[in-house]
Protein backbone atom coordinates (compact mmCIF):
# COMPACT_ATOMS: atom_id res chain seq x y z
CA MET A 1 22.92 -27.19 -17.14
CA THR A 2 22.27 -25.25 -13.60
CA SER A 3 21.83 -27.24 -11.41
CA VAL A 4 19.58 -26.92 -8.08
CA GLU A 5 21.56 -25.91 -5.55
CA THR A 6 22.93 -22.78 -7.74
CA LEU A 7 19.70 -21.20 -8.26
CA LYS A 8 18.72 -18.16 -5.29
CA PRO A 9 15.13 -17.01 -6.01
CA THR A 10 14.08 -13.80 -6.73
CA ARG A 11 11.86 -11.51 -6.19
CA ARG A 12 9.00 -10.70 -8.86
CA ARG A 13 7.91 -7.05 -8.88
CA PHE A 14 4.87 -6.08 -10.53
CA THR A 15 3.63 -2.46 -12.41
CA THR A 16 0.65 -0.97 -11.18
CA ASP A 17 -0.87 -1.77 -14.34
CA GLU A 18 0.31 -5.75 -13.45
CA TYR A 19 -1.54 -5.40 -10.30
CA HIS A 20 -5.36 -4.20 -10.82
CA ARG A 21 -5.10 -6.56 -13.26
CA MET A 22 -5.22 -8.61 -10.42
CA ALA A 23 -7.97 -7.01 -8.77
CA GLU A 24 -10.07 -7.14 -11.62
CA ILE A 25 -9.85 -10.78 -12.38
CA GLY A 26 -9.93 -11.83 -8.71
CA VAL A 27 -7.08 -12.83 -7.88
CA LEU A 28 -6.76 -10.42 -4.65
CA LEU A 29 -9.31 -10.76 -3.17
CA GLU A 30 -11.89 -7.15 -3.09
CA ASP A 31 -11.48 -7.31 0.67
CA GLU A 32 -7.78 -8.20 1.13
CA ARG A 33 -6.01 -5.42 2.77
CA VAL A 34 -2.95 -4.93 0.60
CA GLU A 35 -0.60 -2.32 -1.28
CA LEU A 36 1.21 -2.24 -4.10
CA ILE A 37 4.87 -0.49 -3.15
CA GLU A 38 7.74 -0.46 -4.64
CA GLY A 39 6.94 -3.44 -6.55
CA GLU A 40 5.56 -5.16 -3.88
CA ILE A 41 2.24 -6.98 -2.78
CA LEU A 42 2.55 -6.20 0.30
CA ARG A 43 -0.20 -7.40 3.11
CA MET A 44 -1.67 -5.05 5.29
CA SER A 45 -2.65 -4.90 8.93
CA ALA A 46 -6.60 -3.41 9.67
CA LYS A 47 -7.28 -0.40 10.90
CA GLY A 48 -7.63 0.10 14.45
CA SER A 49 -8.33 2.98 16.70
CA ARG A 50 -4.56 3.72 17.74
CA HIS A 51 -4.40 4.38 14.19
CA ASN A 52 -7.84 6.26 13.38
CA GLY A 53 -6.02 8.14 16.61
CA CYS A 54 -3.03 9.32 14.44
CA ILE A 55 -4.72 9.59 11.54
CA ILE A 56 -7.16 12.60 13.47
CA ALA A 57 -3.74 13.87 14.93
CA LEU A 58 -1.90 14.30 11.59
CA ASP A 59 -4.78 16.46 10.04
CA ASP A 60 -5.50 18.76 12.74
CA LEU A 61 -1.83 19.33 12.84
CA LEU A 62 -1.34 19.38 9.17
CA ARG A 63 -4.88 22.14 9.15
CA GLU A 64 -3.41 23.74 11.82
CA GLN A 65 0.52 24.20 9.70
CA LEU A 66 -1.14 24.62 6.39
CA ASN A 67 -3.51 26.75 5.38
CA ARG A 68 -6.64 26.17 4.09
CA ASP A 69 -7.37 28.44 0.70
CA THR A 70 -3.67 26.66 -0.52
CA ALA A 71 -3.43 23.37 0.64
CA MET A 72 -6.08 19.98 -0.09
CA ILE A 73 -5.83 17.82 3.47
CA SER A 74 -6.93 14.25 3.22
CA VAL A 75 -4.76 11.41 5.96
């Protein structure tokens, strides 16, 4: 039998299907800001003005560098 001292916690990684199912049944709340990254569910910080400024700057940069006829841009 294994003693409690020898047990080590392990991470449980989730699949995309499991993640979506958790949202469907209410384990993850609709307004909860979380993302599934490499199998882990991570809480994300709220978008603020700094975040929005970066998105606008990145969008502008990509539009300047890429041909709009051959690339669809969504940041």
